[in-house]
PDB file of all heavy atoms in Angstrom:
ATOM      1  N   ALA A   1       0.814  -1.257   0.009  1.00  0.00           N
ATOM      2  CA  ALA A   1       0.000   0.005  -0.014  1.00  0.00           C
ATOM      3  C   ALA A   1       0.838   1.246   0.033  1.00  0.00           C
ATOM      4  O   ALA A   1       0.562   2.251  -0.703  1.00  0.00           O
ATOM      5  CB  ALA A   1      -0.954  -0.008   1.231  1.00  0.00           C
ATOM      6  N   ILE A   2       1.971   1.270   0.778  1.00  0.00           N
ATOM      7  CA  ILE A   2       2.772   2.437   0.845  1.00  0.00           C
ATOM      8  C   ILE A   2       3.751   2.589  -0.294  1.00  0.00           C
ATOM      9  O   ILE A   2       4.431   3.590  -0.471  1.00  0.00           O
ATOM     10  CB  ILE A   2       3.494   2.606   2.215  1.00  0.00           C
ATOM     11  CG1 ILE A   2       4.488   1.490   2.454  1.00  0.00           C
ATOM     12  CG2 ILE A   2       2.471   2.639   3.353  1.00  0.00           C
ATOM     13  CD1 ILE A   2       5.354   1.637   3.679  1.00  0.00           C
ATOM     14  N   MET A   3       3.902   1.505  -1.047  1.00  0.00           N
ATOM     15  CA  MET A   3       4.821   1.530  -2.255  1.00  0.00           C
ATOM     16  C   MET A   3       4.004   2.017  -3.443  1.00  0.00           C
ATOM     17  O   MET A   3       4.671   2.257  -4.592  1.00  0.00           O
ATOM     18  CB  MET A   3       5.361   0.122  -2.458  1.00  0.00           C
ATOM     19  CG  MET A   3       6.415  -0.320  -1.472  1.00  0.00           C
ATOM     20  SD  MET A   3       6.820  -2.068  -1.570  1.00  0.00           S
ATOM     21  CE  MET A   3       7.616  -2.103  -3.210  1.00  0.00           C
ATOM     22  N   GLY A   4       2.747   2.202  -3.304  1.00  0.00           N
ATOM     23  CA  GLY A   4       1.937   2.672  -4.467  1.00  0.00           C
ATOM     24  C   GLY A   4       1.789   4.220  -4.550  1.00  0.00           C
ATOM     25  O   GLY A   4       2.552   4.889  -3.870  1.00  0.00           O
ATOM     26  N   GLU A   5       0.812   4.627  -5.305  1.00  0.00           N
ATOM     27  CA  GLU A   5       0.573   6.106  -5.468  1.00  0.00           C
ATOM     28  C   GLU A   5       0.342   6.813  -4.175  1.00  0.00           C
ATOM     29  O   GLU A   5      -0.449   6.380  -3.329  1.00  0.00           O
ATOM     30  CB  GLU A   5      -0.634   6.251  -6.418  1.00  0.00           C
ATOM     31  CG  GLU A   5      -1.069   7.725  -6.596  1.00  0.00           C
ATOM     32  CD  GLU A   5      -0.026   8.513  -7.441  1.00  0.00           C
ATOM     33  OE1 GLU A   5       0.742   7.897  -8.116  1.00  0.00           O
ATOM     34  OE2 GLU A   5      -0.023   9.755  -7.270  1.00  0.00           O
ATOM     35  N   GLY A   6       1.050   7.866  -3.923  1.00  0.00           N
ATOM     36  CA  GLY A   6       0.851   8.670  -2.720  1.00  0.00           C
ATOM     37  C   GLY A   6       1.518   8.074  -1.513  1.00  0.00           C
ATOM     38  O   GLY A   6       1.329   8.546  -0.386  1.00  0.00           O
ATOM     39  N   GLY A   7       2.401   7.093  -1.696  1.00  0.00           N
ATOM     40  CA  GLY A   7       2.954   6.411  -0.567  1.00  0.00           C
ATOM     41  C   GLY A   7       4.268   6.952  -0.143  1.00  0.00           C
ATOM     42  O   GLY A   7       4.527   8.137  -0.203  1.00  0.00           O
ATOM     43  N   LEU A   8       5.161   6.113   0.253  1.00  0.00           N
ATOM     44  CA  LEU A   8       6.459   6.507   0.855  1.00  0.00           C
ATOM     45  C   LEU A   8       7.326   7.389  -0.036  1.00  0.00           C
ATOM     46  O   LEU A   8       8.003   8.234   0.437  1.00  0.00           O
ATOM     47  CB  LEU A   8       7.224   5.162   1.205  1.00  0.00           C
ATOM     48  CG  LEU A   8       8.393   5.313   2.115  1.00  0.00           C
ATOM     49  CD1 LEU A   8       8.015   5.855   3.493  1.00  0.00           C
ATOM     50  CD2 LEU A   8       9.045   3.970   2.336  1.00  0.00           C
ATOM     51  N   ALA A   9       7.303   7.103  -1.370  1.00  0.00           N
ATOM     52  CA  ALA A   9       8.107   7.956  -2.268  1.00  0.00           C
ATOM     53  C   ALA A   9       7.740   9.374  -2.354  1.00  0.00           C
ATOM     54  O   ALA A   9       8.478  10.246  -2.729  1.00  0.00           O
ATOM     55  CB  ALA A   9       7.985   7.274  -3.661  1.00  0.00           C
ATOM     56  N   ASN A  10       6.540   9.721  -1.819  1.00  0.00           N
ATOM     57  CA  ASN A  10       6.046  11.137  -1.843  1.00  0.00           C
ATOM     58  C   ASN A  10       6.625  11.933  -0.684  1.00  0.00           C
ATOM     59  O   ASN A  10       6.377  13.115  -0.574  1.00  0.00           O
ATOM     60  CB  ASN A  10       4.578  11.146  -1.925  1.00  0.00           C
ATOM     61  CG  ASN A  10       3.967  10.663  -3.271  1.00  0.00           C
ATOM     62  OD1 ASN A  10       4.035   9.516  -3.523  1.00  0.00           O
ATOM     63  ND2 ASN A  10       3.476  11.672  -4.061  1.00  0.00           N
ATOM     64  N   CYS A  11       7.339  11.313   0.290  1.00  0.00           N
ATOM     65  CA  CYS A  11       7.847  11.974   1.463  1.00  0.00           C
ATOM     66  C   CYS A  11       9.109  12.730   1.037  1.00  0.00           C
ATOM     67  O   CYS A  11       9.998  12.118   0.405  1.00  0.00           O
ATOM     68  CB  CYS A  11       8.087  10.991   2.540  1.00  0.00           C
ATOM     69  SG  CYS A  11       9.020  11.739   3.944  1.00  0.00           S
ATOM     70  N   GLY A  12       9.117  14.041   1.289  1.00  0.00           N
ATOM     71  CA  GLY A  12      10.258  14.794   0.976  1.00  0.00           C
ATOM     72  C   GLY A  12      11.320  14.980   2.020  1.00  0.00           C
ATOM     73  O   GLY A  12      12.287  15.712   1.909  1.00  0.00           O
ATOM     74  N   ASN A  13      11.038  14.207   3.140  1.00  0.00           N
ATOM     75  CA  ASN A  13      12.023  14.210   4.260  1.00  0.00           C
ATOM     76  C   ASN A  13      12.336  15.664   4.827  1.00  0.00           C
ATOM     77  O   ASN A  13      13.489  15.922   5.193  1.00  0.00           O
ATOM     78  CB  ASN A  13      13.343  13.544   3.922  1.00  0.00           C
ATOM     79  CG  ASN A  13      14.186  13.202   5.075  1.00  0.00           C
ATOM     80  OD1 ASN A  13      13.645  12.863   6.136  1.00  0.00           O
ATOM     81  ND2 ASN A  13      15.504  13.218   4.929  1.00  0.00           N
ATOM     82  N   SER A  14      11.273  16.474   4.915  1.00  0.00           N
ATOM     83  CA  SER A  14      11.476  17.859   5.453  1.00  0.00           C
ATOM     84  C   SER A  14      11.612  17.770   6.932  1.00  0.00           C
ATOM     85  O   SER A  14      12.198  18.729   7.608  1.00  0.00           O
ATOM     86  CB  SER A  14      10.272  18.724   5.143  1.00  0.00           C
ATOM     87  OG  SER A  14       9.113  18.283   5.722  1.00  0.00           O
ATOM     88  N   GLN A  15      11.143  16.764   7.519  1.00  0.00           N
ATOM     89  CA  GLN A  15      11.160  16.542   8.989  1.00  0.00           C
ATOM     90  C   GLN A  15      10.362  17.518   9.763  1.00  0.00           C
ATOM     91  O   GLN A  15      10.510  17.691  11.040  1.00  0.00           O
ATOM     92  CB  GLN A  15      12.604  16.486   9.477  1.00  0.00           C
ATOM     93  CG  GLN A  15      13.465  15.422   8.764  1.00  0.00           C
ATOM     94  CD  GLN A  15      14.758  15.081   9.516  1.00  0.00           C
ATOM     95  OE1 GLN A  15      14.902  15.278  10.686  1.00  0.00           O
ATOM     96  NE2 GLN A  15      15.726  14.699   8.744  1.00  0.00           N
ATOM     97  N   ASN A  16       9.379  18.259   9.099  1.00  0.00           N
ATOM     98  CA  ASN A  16       8.578  19.122   9.838  1.00  0.00           C
ATOM     99  C   ASN A  16       7.648  18.377  10.754  1.00  0.00           C
ATOM    100  O   ASN A  16       7.195  18.889  11.781  1.00  0.00           O
ATOM    101  CB  ASN A  16       7.742  19.952   8.797  1.00  0.00           C
ATOM    102  CG  ASN A  16       8.555  21.058   8.110  1.00  0.00           C
ATOM    103  OD1 ASN A  16       9.801  21.018   8.216  1.00  0.00           O
ATOM    104  ND2 ASN A  16       7.893  21.863   7.263  1.00  0.00           N
ATOM    105  N   CYS A  17       7.248  17.173  10.281  1.00  0.00           N
ATOM    106  CA  CYS A  17       6.267  16.377  11.035  1.00  0.00           C
ATOM    107  C   CYS A  17       6.737  16.040  12.453  1.00  0.00           C
ATOM    108  O   CYS A  17       6.057  16.200  13.401  1.00  0.00           O
ATOM    109  CB  CYS A  17       5.889  15.138  10.338  1.00  0.00           C
ATOM    110  SG  CYS A  17       7.320  14.044   9.901  1.00  0.00           S
ATOM    111  N   VAL A  18       7.937  15.578  12.583  1.00  0.00           N
ATOM    112  CA  VAL A  18       8.483  15.181  13.883  1.00  0.00           C
ATOM    113  C   VAL A  18       8.668  16.397  14.755  1.00  0.00           C
ATOM    114  O   VAL A  18       8.627  16.326  15.971  1.00  0.00           O
ATOM    115  CB  VAL A  18       9.790  14.383  13.734  1.00  0.00           C
ATOM    116  CG1 VAL A  18      10.922  15.278  13.241  1.00  0.00           C
ATOM    117  CG2 VAL A  18      10.095  13.580  14.982  1.00  0.00           C
ATOM    118  N   ALA A  19       8.939  17.519  14.167  1.00  0.00           N
ATOM    119  CA  ALA A  19       9.095  18.782  14.980  1.00  0.00           C
ATOM    120  C   ALA A  19       7.742  19.246  15.503  1.00  0.00           C
ATOM    121  O   ALA A  19       7.687  19.863  16.589  1.00  0.00           O
ATOM    122  CB  ALA A  19       9.785  19.867  14.158  1.00  0.00           C
ATOM    123  N   ALA A  20       6.646  19.030  14.722  1.00  0.00           N
ATOM    124  CA  ALA A  20       5.409  19.555  15.164  1.00  0.00           C
ATOM    125  C   ALA A  20       4.599  18.557  15.994  1.00  0.00           C
ATOM    126  O   ALA A  20       3.649  19.007  16.661  1.00  0.00           O
ATOM    127  CB  ALA A  20       4.579  19.826  13.866  1.00  0.00           C
ATOM    128  N   CYS A  21       4.869  17.231  15.947  1.00  0.00           N
ATOM    129  CA  CYS A  21       4.102  16.250  16.648  1.00  0.00           C
ATOM    130  C   CYS A  21       3.969  16.569  18.148  1.00  0.00           C
ATOM    131  O   CYS A  21       4.963  16.615  18.842  1.00  0.00           O
ATOM    132  CB  CYS A  21       4.702  14.875  16.441  1.00  0.00           C
ATOM    133  SG  CYS A  21       3.791  13.560  17.326  1.00  0.00           S
ATOM    134  N   PRO A  22       2.731  16.697  18.678  1.00  0.00           N
ATOM    135  CA  PRO A  22       2.612  17.117  20.058  1.00  0.00           C
ATOM    136  C   PRO A  22       2.940  15.957  21.025  1.00  0.00           C
ATOM    137  O   PRO A  22       3.142  16.185  22.214  1.00  0.00           O
ATOM    138  CB  PRO A  22       1.044  17.420  20.171  1.00  0.00           C
ATOM    139  CG  PRO A  22       0.416  16.741  19.079  1.00  0.00           C
ATOM    140  CD  PRO A  22       1.468  16.756  17.925  1.00  0.00           C
ATOM    141  N   LYS A  23       3.066  14.750  20.490  1.00  0.00           N
ATOM    142  CA  LYS A  23       3.384  13.581  21.322  1.00  0.00           C
ATOM    143  C   LYS A  23       4.814  13.191  21.110  1.00  0.00           C
ATOM    144  O   LYS A  23       5.279  12.180  21.797  1.00  0.00           O
ATOM    145  CB  LYS A  23       2.479  12.414  21.000  1.00  0.00           C
ATOM    146  CG  LYS A  23       1.018  12.568  21.446  1.00  0.00           C
ATOM    147  CD  LYS A  23       0.896  12.780  22.944  1.00  0.00           C
ATOM    148  CE  LYS A  23      -0.498  12.829  23.408  1.00  0.00           C
ATOM    149  NZ  LYS A  23      -0.596  13.041  24.884  1.00  0.00           N
ATOM    150  N   GLY A  24       5.611  13.903  20.293  1.00  0.00           N
ATOM    151  CA  GLY A  24       7.021  13.597  20.170  1.00  0.00           C
ATOM    152  C   GLY A  24       7.298  12.232  19.553  1.00  0.00           C
ATOM    153  O   GLY A  24       8.268  11.638  19.831  1.00  0.00           O
ATOM    154  N   ILE A  25       6.360  11.807  18.690  1.00  0.00           N
ATOM    155  CA  ILE A  25       6.545  10.487  18.094  1.00  0.00           C
ATOM    156  C   ILE A  25       7.683  10.529  16.984  1.00  0.00           C
ATOM    157  O   ILE A  25       7.676  11.490  16.210  1.00  0.00           O
ATOM    158  CB  ILE A  25       5.219  10.084  17.387  1.00  0.00           C
ATOM    159  CG1 ILE A  25       4.115   9.954  18.430  1.00  0.00           C
ATOM    160  CG2 ILE A  25       5.361   8.782  16.613  1.00  0.00           C
ATOM    161  CD1 ILE A  25       2.718   9.700  17.854  1.00  0.00           C
ATOM    162  N   PRO A  26       8.561   9.613  17.045  1.00  0.00           N
ATOM    163  CA  PRO A  26       9.690   9.548  16.062  1.00  0.00           C
ATOM    164  C   PRO A  26       9.275   9.203  14.636  1.00  0.00           C
ATOM    165  O   PRO A  26       9.540   8.183  14.089  1.00  0.00           O
ATOM    166  CB  PRO A  26      10.655   8.524  16.642  1.00  0.00           C
ATOM    167  CG  PRO A  26       9.775   7.636  17.416  1.00  0.00           C
ATOM    168  CD  PRO A  26       8.628   8.456  17.914  1.00  0.00           C
ATOM    169  N   LEU A  27       8.438  10.108  14.013  1.00  0.00           N
ATOM    170  CA  LEU A  27       7.965   9.828  12.675  1.00  0.00           C
ATOM    171  C   LEU A  27       8.999   9.577  11.610  1.00  0.00           C
ATOM    172  O   LEU A  27       8.826   8.647  10.795  1.00  0.00           O
ATOM    173  CB  LEU A  27       6.975  10.968  12.316  1.00  0.00           C
ATOM    174  CG  LEU A  27       5.751  11.211  13.240  1.00  0.00           C
ATOM    175  CD1 LEU A  27       5.131  12.529  12.911  1.00  0.00           C
ATOM    176  CD2 LEU A  27       4.740  10.104  13.077  1.00  0.00           C
ATOM    177  N   THR A  28      10.007  10.436  11.637  1.00  0.00           N
ATOM    178  CA  THR A  28      11.018  10.243  10.551  1.00  0.00           C
ATOM    179  C   THR A  28      11.823   8.945  10.731  1.00  0.00           C
ATOM    180  O   THR A  28      12.276   8.402   9.796  1.00  0.00           O
ATOM    181  CB  THR A  28      11.916  11.464  10.559  1.00  0.00           C
ATOM    182  OG1 THR A  28      12.426  11.706  11.889  1.00  0.00           O
ATOM    183  CG2 THR A  28      11.261  12.698  10.083  1.00  0.00           C
ATOM    184  N   THR A  29      11.962   8.518  11.993  1.00  0.00           N
ATOM    185  CA  THR A  29      12.657   7.225  12.266  1.00  0.00           C
ATOM    186  C   THR A  29      11.842   6.096  11.644  1.00  0.00           C
ATOM    187  O   THR A  29      12.365   5.154  11.040  1.00  0.00           O
ATOM    188  CB  THR A  29      12.856   7.024  13.744  1.00  0.00           C
ATOM    189  OG1 THR A  29      13.556   8.098  14.370  1.00  0.00           O
ATOM    190  CG2 THR A  29      13.545   5.692  13.992  1.00  0.00           C
ATOM    191  N   SER A  30      10.494   6.258  11.811  1.00  0.00           N
ATOM    192  CA  SER A  30       9.603   5.147  11.221  1.00  0.00           C
ATOM    193  C   SER A  30       9.715   5.190   9.721  1.00  0.00           C
ATOM    194  O   SER A  30       9.733   4.174   9.064  1.00  0.00           O
ATOM    195  CB  SER A  30       8.194   5.434  11.662  1.00  0.00           C
ATOM    196  OG  SER A  30       8.061   5.193  13.000  1.00  0.00           O
TER     197      SER A  30
END
């Protein structure tokens, strides 16, 4: 599912997500 359209390849690795997460989840590590 994540290898298809809109999946993992669409991540630009900006790392904004891990900085904004209110729970401090290691999103970029995942």
